[in-house]
Amino acid sequence: MKTDMTTTLTAALSGLQVGVNNAQKAAGEVAKLTTGSKSVQEAVRPLLNLQQAEQDVAVNSKVIKAESDTLGRFVDETA
């Protein structure tokens, strides 16, 4: 399957936005927690979701940086 920079960048930007949205949702769930109001599993789940969202954002940010670096090198070489 042939992948061009636009496709990769679009997928990474989409993944980044999903990660940010998931982080906001998980953070809201964490903020609603009160001591003793939830089971341990229910309390841990939003924290794990927040950690997963953080990893998703980090990975997609690295893809975007790699694409930017590649484009920068291409521009430098053709200038």
PDB file of N, CA and C in Angstrom:
ATOM      1  N   MET A   1       0.844  -1.182   0.000  1.00  0.00           N
ATOM      2  CA  MET A   1       0.000   0.000   0.000  1.00  0.00           C
ATOM      3  C   MET A   1       0.886   1.241   0.000  1.00  0.00           C
ATOM      4  N   LYS A   2       0.655   2.090  -0.948  1.00  0.00           N
ATOM      5  CA  LYS A   2       1.437   3.314  -1.063  1.00  0.00           C
ATOM      6  C   LYS A   2       0.855   4.386  -0.151  1.00  0.00           C
ATOM      7  N   THR A   3       1.717   5.006   0.636  1.00  0.00           N
ATOM      8  CA  THR A   3       1.290   6.059   1.545  1.00  0.00           C
ATOM      9  C   THR A   3       2.073   7.319   1.221  1.00  0.00           C
ATOM     10  N   ASP A   4       1.365   8.411   1.023  1.00  0.00           N
ATOM     11  CA  ASP A   4       2.062   9.668   0.801  1.00  0.00           C
ATOM     12  C   ASP A   4       2.034  10.507   2.080  1.00  0.00           C
ATOM     13  N   MET A   5       2.782  11.590   2.046  1.00  0.00           N
ATOM     14  CA  MET A   5       2.905  12.420   3.246  1.00  0.00           C
ATOM     15  C   MET A   5       1.575  13.007   3.681  1.00  0.00           C
ATOM     16  N   THR A   6       0.740  13.383   2.721  1.00  0.00           N
ATOM     17  CA  THR A   6      -0.544  13.981   3.068  1.00  0.00           C
ATOM     18  C   THR A   6      -1.419  12.997   3.821  1.00  0.00           C
ATOM     19  N   THR A   7      -1.450  11.753   3.345  1.00  0.00           N
ATOM     20  CA  THR A   7      -2.251  10.728   4.001  1.00  0.00           C
ATOM     21  C   THR A   7      -1.747  10.465   5.412  1.00  0.00           C
ATOM     22  N   THR A   8      -0.438  10.347   5.557  1.00  0.00           N
ATOM     23  CA  THR A   8       0.155  10.099   6.868  1.00  0.00           C
ATOM     24  C   THR A   8      -0.103  11.256   7.814  1.00  0.00           C
ATOM     25  N   LEU A   9       0.095  12.466   7.330  1.00  0.00           N
ATOM     26  CA  LEU A   9      -0.119  13.647   8.164  1.00  0.00           C
ATOM     27  C   LEU A   9      -1.593  13.779   8.563  1.00  0.00           C
ATOM     28  N   THR A  10      -2.485  13.523   7.629  1.00  0.00           N
ATOM     29  CA  THR A  10      -3.919  13.595   7.931  1.00  0.00           C
ATOM     30  C   THR A  10      -4.295  12.573   9.004  1.00  0.00           C
ATOM     31  N   ALA A  11      -3.778  11.361   8.872  1.00  0.00           N
ATOM     32  CA  ALA A  11      -4.069  10.314   9.863  1.00  0.00           C
ATOM     33  C   ALA A  11      -3.501  10.699  11.230  1.00  0.00           C
ATOM     34  N   ALA A  12      -2.292  11.254  11.252  1.00  0.00           N
ATOM     35  CA  ALA A  12      -1.671  11.644  12.522  1.00  0.00           C
ATOM     36  C   ALA A  12      -2.429  12.796  13.172  1.00  0.00           C
ATOM     37  N   LEU A  13      -2.850  13.764  12.383  1.00  0.00           N
ATOM     38  CA  LEU A  13      -3.620  14.888  12.930  1.00  0.00           C
ATOM     39  C   LEU A  13      -4.963  14.410  13.474  1.00  0.00           C
ATOM     40  N   SER A  14      -5.589  13.491  12.766  1.00  0.00           N
ATOM     41  CA  SER A  14      -6.845  12.921  13.240  1.00  0.00           C
ATOM     42  C   SER A  14      -6.629  12.157  14.543  1.00  0.00           C
ATOM     43  N   GLY A  15      -5.577  11.357  14.588  1.00  0.00           N
ATOM     44  CA  GLY A  15      -5.252  10.612  15.801  1.00  0.00           C
ATOM     45  C   GLY A  15      -4.940  11.532  16.966  1.00  0.00           C
ATOM     46  N   LEU A  16      -4.267  12.624  16.678  1.00  0.00           N
ATOM     47  CA  LEU A  16      -3.949  13.610  17.707  1.00  0.00           C
ATOM     48  C   LEU A  16      -5.231  14.213  18.276  1.00  0.00           C
ATOM     49  N   GLN A  17      -6.161  14.562  17.397  1.00  0.00           N
ATOM     50  CA  GLN A  17      -7.422  15.156  17.856  1.00  0.00           C
ATOM     51  C   GLN A  17      -8.234  14.150  18.676  1.00  0.00           C
ATOM     52  N   VAL A  18      -8.261  12.911  18.249  1.00  0.00           N
ATOM     53  CA  VAL A  18      -8.968  11.871  19.008  1.00  0.00           C
ATOM     54  C   VAL A  18      -8.328  11.723  20.391  1.00  0.00           C
ATOM     55  N   GLY A  19      -6.994  11.716  20.435  1.00  0.00           N
ATOM     56  CA  GLY A  19      -6.291  11.603  21.711  1.00  0.00           C
ATOM     57  C   GLY A  19      -6.608  12.753  22.647  1.00  0.00           C
ATOM     58  N   VAL A  20      -6.644  13.957  22.116  1.00  0.00           N
ATOM     59  CA  VAL A  20      -6.967  15.135  22.931  1.00  0.00           C
ATOM     60  C   VAL A  20      -8.412  15.043  23.435  1.00  0.00           C
ATOM     61  N   ASN A  21      -9.321  14.654  22.551  1.00  0.00           N
ATOM     62  CA  ASN A  21     -10.729  14.515  22.971  1.00  0.00           C
ATOM     63  C   ASN A  21     -10.874  13.450  24.053  1.00  0.00           C
ATOM     64  N   ASN A  22     -10.182  12.324  23.876  1.00  0.00           N
ATOM     65  CA  ASN A  22     -10.241  11.265  24.880  1.00  0.00           C
ATOM     66  C   ASN A  22      -9.647  11.719  26.209  1.00  0.00           C
ATOM     67  N   ALA A  23      -8.577  12.504  26.142  1.00  0.00           N
ATOM     68  CA  ALA A  23      -7.955  13.015  27.360  1.00  0.00           C
ATOM     69  C   ALA A  23      -8.923  13.953  28.094  1.00  0.00           C
ATOM     70  N   GLN A  24      -9.604  14.803  27.344  1.00  0.00           N
ATOM     71  CA  GLN A  24     -10.567  15.717  27.965  1.00  0.00           C
ATOM     72  C   GLN A  24     -11.705  14.944  28.622  1.00  0.00           C
ATOM     73  N   LYS A  25     -12.192  13.927  27.939  1.00  0.00           N
ATOM     74  CA  LYS A  25     -13.280  13.119  28.494  1.00  0.00           C
ATOM     75  C   LYS A  25     -12.821  12.406  29.770  1.00  0.00           C
ATOM     76  N   ALA A  26     -11.642  11.778  29.712  1.00  0.00           N
ATOM     77  CA  ALA A  26     -11.123  11.052  30.877  1.00  0.00           C
ATOM     78  C   ALA A  26     -10.848  12.003  32.033  1.00  0.00           C
ATOM     79  N   ALA A  27     -10.308  13.179  31.728  1.00  0.00           N
ATOM     80  CA  ALA A  27     -10.036  14.156  32.784  1.00  0.00           C
ATOM     81  C   ALA A  27     -11.334  14.602  33.452  1.00  0.00           C
ATOM     82  N   GLY A  28     -12.381  14.756  32.669  1.00  0.00           N
ATOM     83  CA  GLY A  28     -13.678  15.107  33.237  1.00  0.00           C
ATOM     84  C   GLY A  28     -14.202  14.016  34.156  1.00  0.00           C
ATOM     85  N   GLU A  29     -13.997  12.755  33.757  1.00  0.00           N
ATOM     86  CA  GLU A  29     -14.425  11.636  34.590  1.00  0.00           C
ATOM     87  C   GLU A  29     -13.613  11.577  35.887  1.00  0.00           C
ATOM     88  N   VAL A  30     -12.322  11.859  35.789  1.00  0.00           N
ATOM     89  CA  VAL A  30     -11.475  11.880  36.985  1.00  0.00           C
ATOM     90  C   VAL A  30     -11.935  12.990  37.916  1.00  0.00           C
ATOM     91  N   ALA A  31     -12.257  14.140  37.366  1.00  0.00           N
ATOM     92  CA  ALA A  31     -12.688  15.278  38.181  1.00  0.00           C
ATOM     93  C   ALA A  31     -13.988  14.987  38.925  1.00  0.00           C
ATOM     94  N   LYS A  32     -14.823  14.118  38.370  1.00  0.00           N
ATOM     95  CA  LYS A  32     -16.108  13.797  39.001  1.00  0.00           C
ATOM     96  C   LYS A  32     -15.985  12.765  40.119  1.00  0.00           C
ATOM     97  N   LEU A  33     -14.830  12.118  40.204  1.00  0.00           N
ATOM     98  CA  LEU A  33     -14.665  11.094  41.233  1.00  0.00           C
ATOM     99  C   LEU A  33     -14.661  11.717  42.616  1.00  0.00           C
ATOM    100  N   THR A  34     -15.317  11.063  43.533  1.00  0.00           N
ATOM    101  CA  THR A  34     -15.255  11.472  44.931  1.00  0.00           C
ATOM    102  C   THR A  34     -14.852  10.254  45.752  1.00  0.00           C
ATOM    103  N   THR A  35     -14.191  10.479  46.818  1.00  0.00           N
ATOM    104  CA  THR A  35     -13.710   9.390  47.662  1.00  0.00           C
ATOM    105  C   THR A  35     -14.869   8.529  48.128  1.00  0.00           C
ATOM    106  N   GLY A  36     -14.741   7.228  47.896  1.00  0.00           N
ATOM    107  CA  GLY A  36     -15.732   6.283  48.376  1.00  0.00           C
ATOM    108  C   GLY A  36     -16.996   6.176  47.548  1.00  0.00           C
ATOM    109  N   SER A  37     -17.121   6.965  46.493  1.00  0.00           N
ATOM    110  CA  SER A  37     -18.359   6.924  45.723  1.00  0.00           C
ATOM    111  C   SER A  37     -18.333   5.879  44.609  1.00  0.00           C
ATOM    112  N   LYS A  38     -17.173   5.372  44.289  1.00  0.00           N
ATOM    113  CA  LYS A  38     -17.040   4.413  43.194  1.00  0.00           C
ATOM    114  C   LYS A  38     -16.229   3.214  43.674  1.00  0.00           C
ATOM    115  N   SER A  39     -16.395   2.112  42.949  1.00  0.00           N
ATOM    116  CA  SER A  39     -15.536   0.965  43.221  1.00  0.00           C
ATOM    117  C   SER A  39     -14.132   1.291  42.712  1.00  0.00           C
ATOM    118  N   VAL A  40     -13.173   0.529  43.141  1.00  0.00           N
ATOM    119  CA  VAL A  40     -11.788   0.770  42.711  1.00  0.00           C
ATOM    120  C   VAL A  40     -11.689   0.668  41.190  1.00  0.00           C
ATOM    121  N   GLN A  41     -12.338  -0.328  40.617  1.00  0.00           N
ATOM    122  CA  GLN A  41     -12.285  -0.513  39.161  1.00  0.00           C
ATOM    123  C   GLN A  41     -12.861   0.705  38.437  1.00  0.00           C
ATOM    124  N   GLU A  42     -13.980   1.216  38.935  1.00  0.00           N
ATOM    125  CA  GLU A  42     -14.589   2.385  38.308  1.00  0.00           C
ATOM    126  C   GLU A  42     -13.722   3.627  38.467  1.00  0.00           C
ATOM    127  N   ALA A  43     -12.969   3.709  39.538  1.00  0.00           N
ATOM    128  CA  ALA A  43     -12.083   4.851  39.762  1.00  0.00           C
ATOM    129  C   ALA A  43     -10.820   4.755  38.915  1.00  0.00           C
ATOM    130  N   VAL A  44     -10.339   3.541  38.702  1.00  0.00           N
ATOM    131  CA  VAL A  44      -9.091   3.351  37.960  1.00  0.00           C
ATOM    132  C   VAL A  44      -9.305   3.528  36.459  1.00  0.00           C
ATOM    133  N   ARG A  45     -10.459   3.123  35.971  1.00  0.00           N
ATOM    134  CA  ARG A  45     -10.713   3.154  34.523  1.00  0.00           C
ATOM    135  C   ARG A  45     -10.467   4.525  33.897  1.00  0.00           C
ATOM    136  N   PRO A  46     -11.011   5.628  34.443  1.00  0.00           N
ATOM    137  CA  PRO A  46     -10.740   6.925  33.814  1.00  0.00           C
ATOM    138  C   PRO A  46      -9.259   7.319  33.885  1.00  0.00           C
ATOM    139  N   LEU A  47      -8.571   6.881  34.922  1.00  0.00           N
ATOM    140  CA  LEU A  47      -7.133   7.177  35.003  1.00  0.00           C
ATOM    141  C   LEU A  47      -6.366   6.430  33.917  1.00  0.00           C
ATOM    142  N   LEU A  48      -6.744   5.185  33.690  1.00  0.00           N
ATOM    143  CA  LEU A  48      -6.110   4.414  32.619  1.00  0.00           C
ATOM    144  C   LEU A  48      -6.450   5.002  31.251  1.00  0.00           C
ATOM    145  N   ASN A  49      -7.688   5.456  31.087  1.00  0.00           N
ATOM    146  CA  ASN A  49      -8.080   6.098  29.830  1.00  0.00           C
ATOM    147  C   ASN A  49      -7.285   7.375  29.589  1.00  0.00           C
ATOM    148  N   LEU A  50      -7.038   8.116  30.657  1.00  0.00           N
ATOM    149  CA  LEU A  50      -6.250   9.340  30.543  1.00  0.00           C
ATOM    150  C   LEU A  50      -4.813   9.013  30.149  1.00  0.00           C
ATOM    151  N   GLN A  51      -4.257   7.978  30.731  1.00  0.00           N
ATOM    152  CA  GLN A  51      -2.897   7.561  30.387  1.00  0.00           C
ATOM    153  C   GLN A  51      -2.832   7.086  28.930  1.00  0.00           C
ATOM    154  N   GLN A  52      -3.829   6.347  28.479  1.00  0.00           N
ATOM    155  CA  GLN A  52      -3.862   5.885  27.092  1.00  0.00           C
ATOM    156  C   GLN A  52      -3.962   7.058  26.129  1.00  0.00           C
ATOM    157  N   ALA A  53      -4.787   8.038  26.471  1.00  0.00           N
ATOM    158  CA  ALA A  53      -4.926   9.219  25.628  1.00  0.00           C
ATOM    159  C   ALA A  53      -3.599   9.980  25.541  1.00  0.00           C
ATOM    160  N   GLU A  54      -2.891  10.051  26.657  1.00  0.00           N
ATOM    161  CA  GLU A  54      -1.579  10.714  26.669  1.00  0.00           C
ATOM    162  C   GLU A  54      -0.620  10.011  25.712  1.00  0.00           C
ATOM    163  N   GLN A  55      -0.613   8.697  25.735  1.00  0.00           N
ATOM    164  CA  GLN A  55       0.252   7.927  24.839  1.00  0.00           C
ATOM    165  C   GLN A  55      -0.160   8.118  23.379  1.00  0.00           C
ATOM    166  N   ASP A  56      -1.464   8.144  23.119  1.00  0.00           N
ATOM    167  CA  ASP A  56      -1.945   8.364  21.751  1.00  0.00           C
ATOM    168  C   ASP A  56      -1.490   9.715  21.216  1.00  0.00           C
ATOM    169  N   VAL A  57      -1.608  10.741  22.039  1.00  0.00           N
ATOM    170  CA  VAL A  57      -1.179  12.079  21.629  1.00  0.00           C
ATOM    171  C   VAL A  57       0.330  12.099  21.382  1.00  0.00           C
ATOM    172  N   ALA A  58       1.093  11.467  22.245  1.00  0.00           N
ATOM    173  CA  ALA A  58       2.554  11.446  22.087  1.00  0.00           C
ATOM    174  C   ALA A  58       2.976  10.752  20.803  1.00  0.00           C
ATOM    175  N   VAL A  59       2.370   9.620  20.517  1.00  0.00           N
ATOM    176  CA  VAL A  59       2.727   8.868  19.306  1.00  0.00           C
ATOM    177  C   VAL A  59       2.377   9.666  18.053  1.00  0.00           C
ATOM    178  N   ASN A  60       1.171  10.221  18.016  1.00  0.00           N
ATOM    179  CA  ASN A  60       0.771  10.985  16.841  1.00  0.00           C
ATOM    180  C   ASN A  60       1.593  12.262  16.687  1.00  0.00           C
ATOM    181  N   SER A  61       2.003  12.857  17.791  1.00  0.00           N
ATOM    182  CA  SER A  61       2.875  14.035  17.727  1.00  0.00           C
ATOM    183  C   SER A  61       4.227  13.685  17.116  1.00  0.00           C
ATOM    184  N   LYS A  62       4.733  12.507  17.445  1.00  0.00           N
ATOM    185  CA  LYS A  62       6.011  12.070  16.866  1.00  0.00           C
ATOM    186  C   LYS A  62       5.886  11.843  15.369  1.00  0.00           C
ATOM    187  N   VAL A  63       4.771  11.306  14.924  1.00  0.00           N
ATOM    188  CA  VAL A  63       4.549  11.114  13.488  1.00  0.00           C
ATOM    189  C   VAL A  63       4.500  12.468  12.788  1.00  0.00           C
ATOM    190  N   ILE A  64       3.791  13.428  13.372  1.00  0.00           N
ATOM    191  CA  ILE A  64       3.707  14.765  12.785  1.00  0.00           C
ATOM    192  C   ILE A  64       5.085  15.403  12.723  1.00  0.00           C
ATOM    193  N   LYS A  65       5.881  15.265  13.782  1.00  0.00           N
ATOM    194  CA  LYS A  65       7.238  15.826  13.783  1.00  0.00           C
ATOM    195  C   LYS A  65       8.096  15.173  12.714  1.00  0.00           C
ATOM    196  N   ALA A  66       7.992  13.859  12.573  1.00  0.00           N
ATOM    197  CA  ALA A  66       8.772  13.155  11.553  1.00  0.00           C
ATOM    198  C   ALA A  66       8.388  13.635  10.152  1.00  0.00           C
ATOM    199  N   GLU A  67       7.106  13.819   9.917  1.00  0.00           N
ATOM    200  CA  GLU A  67       6.649  14.321   8.618  1.00  0.00           C
ATOM    201  C   GLU A  67       7.170  15.740   8.380  1.00  0.00           C
ATOM    202  N   SER A  68       7.132  16.570   9.410  1.00  0.00           N
ATOM    203  CA  SER A  68       7.625  17.935   9.293  1.00  0.00           C
ATOM    204  C   SER A  68       9.125  17.952   9.005  1.00  0.00           C
ATOM    205  N   ASP A  69       9.870  17.115   9.706  1.00  0.00           N
ATOM    206  CA  ASP A  69      11.318  17.029   9.482  1.00  0.00           C
ATOM    207  C   ASP A  69      11.629  16.557   8.067  1.00  0.00           C
ATOM    208  N   THR A  70      10.877  15.566   7.611  1.00  0.00           N
ATOM    209  CA  THR A  70      11.085  15.041   6.257  1.00  0.00           C
ATOM    210  C   THR A  70      10.806  16.119   5.217  1.00  0.00           C
ATOM    211  N   LEU A  71       9.712  16.831   5.394  1.00  0.00           N
ATOM    212  CA  LEU A  71       9.376  17.908   4.467  1.00  0.00           C
ATOM    213  C   LEU A  71      10.436  19.005   4.515  1.00  0.00           C
ATOM    214  N   GLY A  72      10.912  19.329   5.704  1.00  0.00           N
ATOM    215  CA  GLY A  72      11.967  20.344   5.840  1.00  0.00           C
ATOM    216  C   GLY A  72      13.236  19.949   5.129  1.00  0.00           C
ATOM    217  N   ARG A  73      13.634  18.675   5.265  1.00  0.00           N
ATOM    218  CA  ARG A  73      14.831  18.205   4.554  1.00  0.00           C
ATOM    219  C   ARG A  73      14.624  18.261   3.041  1.00  0.00           C
ATOM    220  N   PHE A  74      13.444  17.899   2.587  1.00  0.00           N
ATOM    221  CA  PHE A  74      13.140  17.937   1.160  1.00  0.00           C
ATOM    222  C   PHE A  74      13.241  19.352   0.623  1.00  0.00           C
ATOM    223  N   VAL A  75      12.691  20.307   1.365  1.00  0.00           N
ATOM    224  CA  VAL A  75      12.735  21.707   0.944  1.00  0.00           C
ATOM    225  C   VAL A  75      14.186  22.194   0.932  1.00  0.00           C
ATOM    226  N   ASP A  76      14.967  21.839   1.947  1.00  0.00           N
ATOM    227  CA  ASP A  76      16.372  22.253   2.016  1.00  0.00           C
ATOM    228  C   ASP A  76      17.164  21.681   0.848  1.00  0.00           C
ATOM    229  N   GLU A  77      16.903  20.440   0.495  1.00  0.00           N
ATOM    230  CA  GLU A  77      17.653  19.788  -0.579  1.00  0.00           C
ATOM    231  C   GLU A  77      17.275  20.319  -1.957  1.00  0.00           C
ATOM    232  N   THR A  78      16.045  20.764  -2.116  1.00  0.00           N
ATOM    233  CA  THR A  78      15.618  21.255  -3.423  1.00  0.00           C
ATOM    234  C   THR A  78      15.826  22.755  -3.596  1.00  0.00           C
ATOM    235  N   ALA A  79      16.184  23.441  -2.521  1.00  0.00           N
ATOM    236  CA  ALA A  79      16.382  24.900  -2.599  1.00  0.00           C
ATOM    237  C   ALA A  79      17.730  25.240  -3.176  1.00  0.00           C
TER     238      ALA A  79
END
